[in-house]
Amino acid sequence: MSSVFKKYRMTRKNVLLLAQAIINVHGKITWQNYASDSPYPDQHSLTLNEIKGSPEKLEQFRNEFSHQMYSNVINDEMQRLEHDI
């Protein structure tokens, strides 16, 4: 069941919706930090509460993950969550 793709503006509400959708689909929010000099990229993760509670973490999440809303699975989940609110 794939719904029509919806474009979201990156408002705070939609960034949080994206975060919840990623958690629902993948179980957690993680990414690799390839900018560090270590031979192994640092694994970073964020919780929804961290994103909600810190403007810096919200911005960091937005920078790292806004492209994921173009994934059909994530987009469908965002729409489902939006419908349930």
N, C-alpha and C. Protein backbone atom coordinates (compact mmCIF):
# COMPACT_ATOMS: atom_id res chain seq x y z
N MET A 1 0.85 -1.20 0.00
CA MET A 1 0.00 0.00 0.00
C MET A 1 0.88 1.24 0.00
N SER A 2 1.09 1.80 -1.14
CA SER A 2 1.90 3.00 -1.23
C SER A 2 0.99 4.17 -1.53
N SER A 3 1.10 5.20 -0.72
CA SER A 3 0.26 6.36 -0.94
C SER A 3 0.96 7.32 -1.90
N VAL A 4 0.29 8.37 -2.23
CA VAL A 4 0.86 9.38 -3.11
C VAL A 4 1.99 10.07 -2.35
N PHE A 5 3.11 10.28 -3.04
CA PHE A 5 4.26 10.93 -2.41
C PHE A 5 3.89 12.35 -2.03
N LYS A 6 4.25 12.75 -0.81
CA LYS A 6 3.92 14.09 -0.34
C LYS A 6 5.20 14.86 -0.06
N LYS A 7 5.27 16.09 -0.53
CA LYS A 7 6.43 16.93 -0.24
C LYS A 7 6.17 17.68 1.06
N TYR A 8 7.16 17.63 1.94
CA TYR A 8 7.06 18.32 3.22
C TYR A 8 8.04 19.49 3.26
N ARG A 9 7.60 20.60 3.82
CA ARG A 9 8.53 21.69 4.14
C ARG A 9 9.23 21.30 5.43
N MET A 10 10.46 21.75 5.62
CA MET A 10 11.22 21.35 6.80
C MET A 10 10.92 22.24 8.00
N THR A 11 9.65 22.27 8.39
CA THR A 11 9.26 22.97 9.61
C THR A 11 9.66 22.10 10.79
N ARG A 12 9.68 22.69 11.98
CA ARG A 12 10.02 21.92 13.18
C ARG A 12 9.10 20.71 13.33
N LYS A 13 7.81 20.94 13.12
CA LYS A 13 6.83 19.85 13.25
C LYS A 13 7.15 18.72 12.28
N ASN A 14 7.47 19.05 11.04
CA ASN A 14 7.76 18.03 10.05
C ASN A 14 9.10 17.33 10.29
N VAL A 15 10.06 18.07 10.84
CA VAL A 15 11.35 17.45 11.20
C VAL A 15 11.11 16.40 12.28
N LEU A 16 10.26 16.71 13.25
CA LEU A 16 9.94 15.75 14.31
C LEU A 16 9.14 14.58 13.76
N LEU A 17 8.27 14.85 12.80
CA LEU A 17 7.51 13.79 12.13
C LEU A 17 8.47 12.85 11.39
N LEU A 18 9.45 13.43 10.72
CA LEU A 18 10.46 12.65 10.02
C LEU A 18 11.25 11.79 11.01
N ALA A 19 11.63 12.38 12.14
CA ALA A 19 12.39 11.64 13.16
C ALA A 19 11.58 10.44 13.64
N GLN A 20 10.31 10.65 13.94
CA GLN A 20 9.46 9.56 14.42
C GLN A 20 9.30 8.49 13.34
N ALA A 21 9.14 8.91 12.10
CA ALA A 21 9.00 7.96 11.00
C ALA A 21 10.25 7.10 10.85
N ILE A 22 11.43 7.72 10.96
CA ILE A 22 12.69 6.97 10.86
C ILE A 22 12.81 5.96 11.99
N ILE A 23 12.44 6.39 13.21
CA ILE A 23 12.47 5.47 14.36
C ILE A 23 11.50 4.32 14.13
N ASN A 24 10.31 4.60 13.64
CA ASN A 24 9.32 3.55 13.41
C ASN A 24 9.78 2.55 12.35
N VAL A 25 10.44 3.05 11.30
CA VAL A 25 10.84 2.20 10.19
C VAL A 25 12.16 1.46 10.49
N HIS A 26 13.13 2.19 11.06
CA HIS A 26 14.47 1.61 11.25
C HIS A 26 14.79 1.23 12.69
N GLY A 27 13.92 1.61 13.63
CA GLY A 27 14.15 1.27 15.03
C GLY A 27 14.98 2.30 15.78
N LYS A 28 15.78 3.08 15.06
CA LYS A 28 16.57 4.11 15.70
C LYS A 28 17.08 5.09 14.65
N ILE A 29 17.64 6.20 15.14
CA ILE A 29 18.22 7.20 14.25
C ILE A 29 19.73 7.12 14.43
N THR A 30 20.43 6.65 13.40
CA THR A 30 21.88 6.56 13.48
C THR A 30 22.49 7.02 12.16
N TRP A 31 23.71 7.50 12.24
CA TRP A 31 24.46 7.83 11.04
C TRP A 31 25.94 7.75 11.36
N GLN A 32 26.74 7.69 10.32
CA GLN A 32 28.20 7.61 10.45
C GLN A 32 28.78 9.01 10.30
N ASN A 33 29.78 9.32 11.10
CA ASN A 33 30.48 10.58 10.94
C ASN A 33 31.76 10.33 10.16
N TYR A 34 31.71 10.59 8.87
CA TYR A 34 32.88 10.37 8.03
C TYR A 34 33.84 11.56 8.05
N ALA A 35 33.45 12.62 8.74
CA ALA A 35 34.30 13.82 8.80
C ALA A 35 35.43 13.67 9.81
N SER A 36 35.31 12.72 10.72
CA SER A 36 36.36 12.57 11.74
C SER A 36 37.59 11.90 11.13
N ASP A 37 38.70 12.04 11.80
CA ASP A 37 39.97 11.48 11.29
C ASP A 37 40.19 10.03 11.71
N SER A 38 39.31 9.48 12.52
CA SER A 38 39.54 8.12 12.98
C SER A 38 39.38 7.13 11.83
N PRO A 39 40.08 5.99 11.88
CA PRO A 39 39.99 5.02 10.79
C PRO A 39 38.59 4.42 10.65
N TYR A 40 37.84 4.41 11.75
CA TYR A 40 36.47 3.91 11.71
C TYR A 40 35.54 5.09 11.96
N PRO A 41 34.53 5.25 11.11
CA PRO A 41 33.63 6.39 11.32
C PRO A 41 32.90 6.27 12.65
N ASP A 42 32.73 7.39 13.32
CA ASP A 42 31.98 7.39 14.58
C ASP A 42 30.52 7.11 14.29
N GLN A 43 29.92 6.27 15.11
CA GLN A 43 28.49 5.99 14.98
C GLN A 43 27.75 6.96 15.90
N HIS A 44 26.85 7.70 15.36
CA HIS A 44 26.07 8.65 16.16
C HIS A 44 24.63 8.21 16.18
N SER A 45 23.96 8.51 17.26
CA SER A 45 22.52 8.25 17.30
C SER A 45 21.85 9.38 18.07
N LEU A 46 20.59 9.57 17.79
CA LEU A 46 19.78 10.58 18.47
C LEU A 46 18.46 9.96 18.85
N THR A 47 17.92 10.41 19.97
CA THR A 47 16.57 10.01 20.35
C THR A 47 15.62 11.15 19.99
N LEU A 48 14.34 10.83 19.93
CA LEU A 48 13.35 11.86 19.63
C LEU A 48 13.38 12.95 20.71
N ASN A 49 13.55 12.55 21.98
CA ASN A 49 13.59 13.54 23.06
C ASN A 49 14.78 14.48 22.93
N GLU A 50 15.94 13.94 22.50
CA GLU A 50 17.11 14.79 22.29
C GLU A 50 16.85 15.81 21.19
N ILE A 51 16.21 15.36 20.12
CA ILE A 51 15.91 16.25 19.00
C ILE A 51 14.91 17.33 19.43
N LYS A 52 13.89 16.91 20.18
CA LYS A 52 12.88 17.88 20.65
C LYS A 52 13.48 18.88 21.62
N GLY A 53 14.44 18.42 22.44
CA GLY A 53 14.94 19.23 23.54
C GLY A 53 16.09 20.16 23.21
N SER A 54 16.67 20.03 22.04
CA SER A 54 17.86 20.81 21.74
C SER A 54 17.82 21.36 20.31
N PRO A 55 17.82 22.68 20.17
CA PRO A 55 17.82 23.28 18.83
C PRO A 55 19.02 22.82 18.00
N GLU A 56 20.19 22.63 18.66
CA GLU A 56 21.38 22.19 17.93
C GLU A 56 21.17 20.78 17.38
N LYS A 57 20.61 19.90 18.20
CA LYS A 57 20.39 18.52 17.76
C LYS A 57 19.30 18.45 16.68
N LEU A 58 18.29 19.31 16.80
CA LEU A 58 17.25 19.39 15.78
C LEU A 58 17.88 19.78 14.44
N GLU A 59 18.75 20.79 14.47
CA GLU A 59 19.41 21.26 13.25
C GLU A 59 20.34 20.19 12.69
N GLN A 60 21.06 19.52 13.57
CA GLN A 60 21.96 18.45 13.16
C GLN A 60 21.17 17.32 12.49
N PHE A 61 20.05 16.96 13.10
CA PHE A 61 19.19 15.92 12.53
C PHE A 61 18.68 16.36 11.16
N ARG A 62 18.21 17.60 11.08
CA ARG A 62 17.67 18.12 9.81
C ARG A 62 18.74 18.04 8.72
N ASN A 63 19.97 18.42 9.05
CA ASN A 63 21.06 18.39 8.06
C ASN A 63 21.38 16.97 7.61
N GLU A 64 21.37 16.04 8.55
CA GLU A 64 21.76 14.66 8.23
C GLU A 64 20.64 13.86 7.55
N PHE A 65 19.39 14.17 7.87
CA PHE A 65 18.31 13.26 7.51
C PHE A 65 17.21 13.80 6.61
N SER A 66 17.22 15.08 6.29
CA SER A 66 16.10 15.62 5.51
C SER A 66 15.94 14.90 4.17
N HIS A 67 17.04 14.38 3.59
CA HIS A 67 16.94 13.65 2.32
C HIS A 67 16.11 12.37 2.46
N GLN A 68 15.98 11.84 3.69
CA GLN A 68 15.27 10.57 3.86
C GLN A 68 13.77 10.69 3.62
N MET A 69 13.25 11.92 3.67
CA MET A 69 11.81 12.05 3.41
C MET A 69 11.49 11.74 1.95
N TYR A 70 12.53 11.61 1.10
CA TYR A 70 12.30 11.24 -0.29
C TYR A 70 12.25 9.73 -0.48
N SER A 71 12.50 9.00 0.61
CA SER A 71 12.31 7.54 0.59
C SER A 71 10.81 7.29 0.68
N ASN A 72 10.28 6.46 -0.22
CA ASN A 72 8.83 6.20 -0.21
C ASN A 72 8.37 5.58 1.10
N VAL A 73 9.19 4.70 1.67
CA VAL A 73 8.81 4.04 2.93
C VAL A 73 8.70 5.07 4.05
N ILE A 74 9.69 5.95 4.15
CA ILE A 74 9.68 6.99 5.18
C ILE A 74 8.53 7.97 4.92
N ASN A 75 8.35 8.34 3.67
CA ASN A 75 7.29 9.29 3.32
C ASN A 75 5.91 8.72 3.67
N ASP A 76 5.70 7.45 3.35
CA ASP A 76 4.42 6.81 3.71
C ASP A 76 4.21 6.82 5.21
N GLU A 77 5.29 6.54 5.96
CA GLU A 77 5.19 6.51 7.42
C GLU A 77 4.91 7.91 7.97
N MET A 78 5.52 8.93 7.39
CA MET A 78 5.25 10.31 7.82
C MET A 78 3.76 10.63 7.62
N GLN A 79 3.22 10.22 6.47
CA GLN A 79 1.82 10.49 6.19
C GLN A 79 0.89 9.72 7.15
N ARG A 80 1.29 8.49 7.47
CA ARG A 80 0.50 7.70 8.39
C ARG A 80 0.50 8.34 9.78
N LEU A 81 1.67 8.78 10.23
CA LEU A 81 1.79 9.43 11.53
C LEU A 81 0.99 10.72 11.57
N GLU A 82 1.09 11.48 10.49
CA GLU A 82 0.38 12.76 10.40
C GLU A 82 -1.13 12.52 10.50
N HIS A 83 -1.59 11.46 9.88
CA HIS A 83 -3.00 11.13 9.89
C HIS A 83 -3.46 10.73 11.29
N ASP A 84 -2.57 10.10 12.07
CA ASP A 84 -2.93 9.63 13.41
C ASP A 84 -2.92 10.72 14.47
N ILE A 85 -2.26 11.85 14.16
CA ILE A 85 -2.13 12.92 15.18
C ILE A 85 -3.49 13.55 15.48
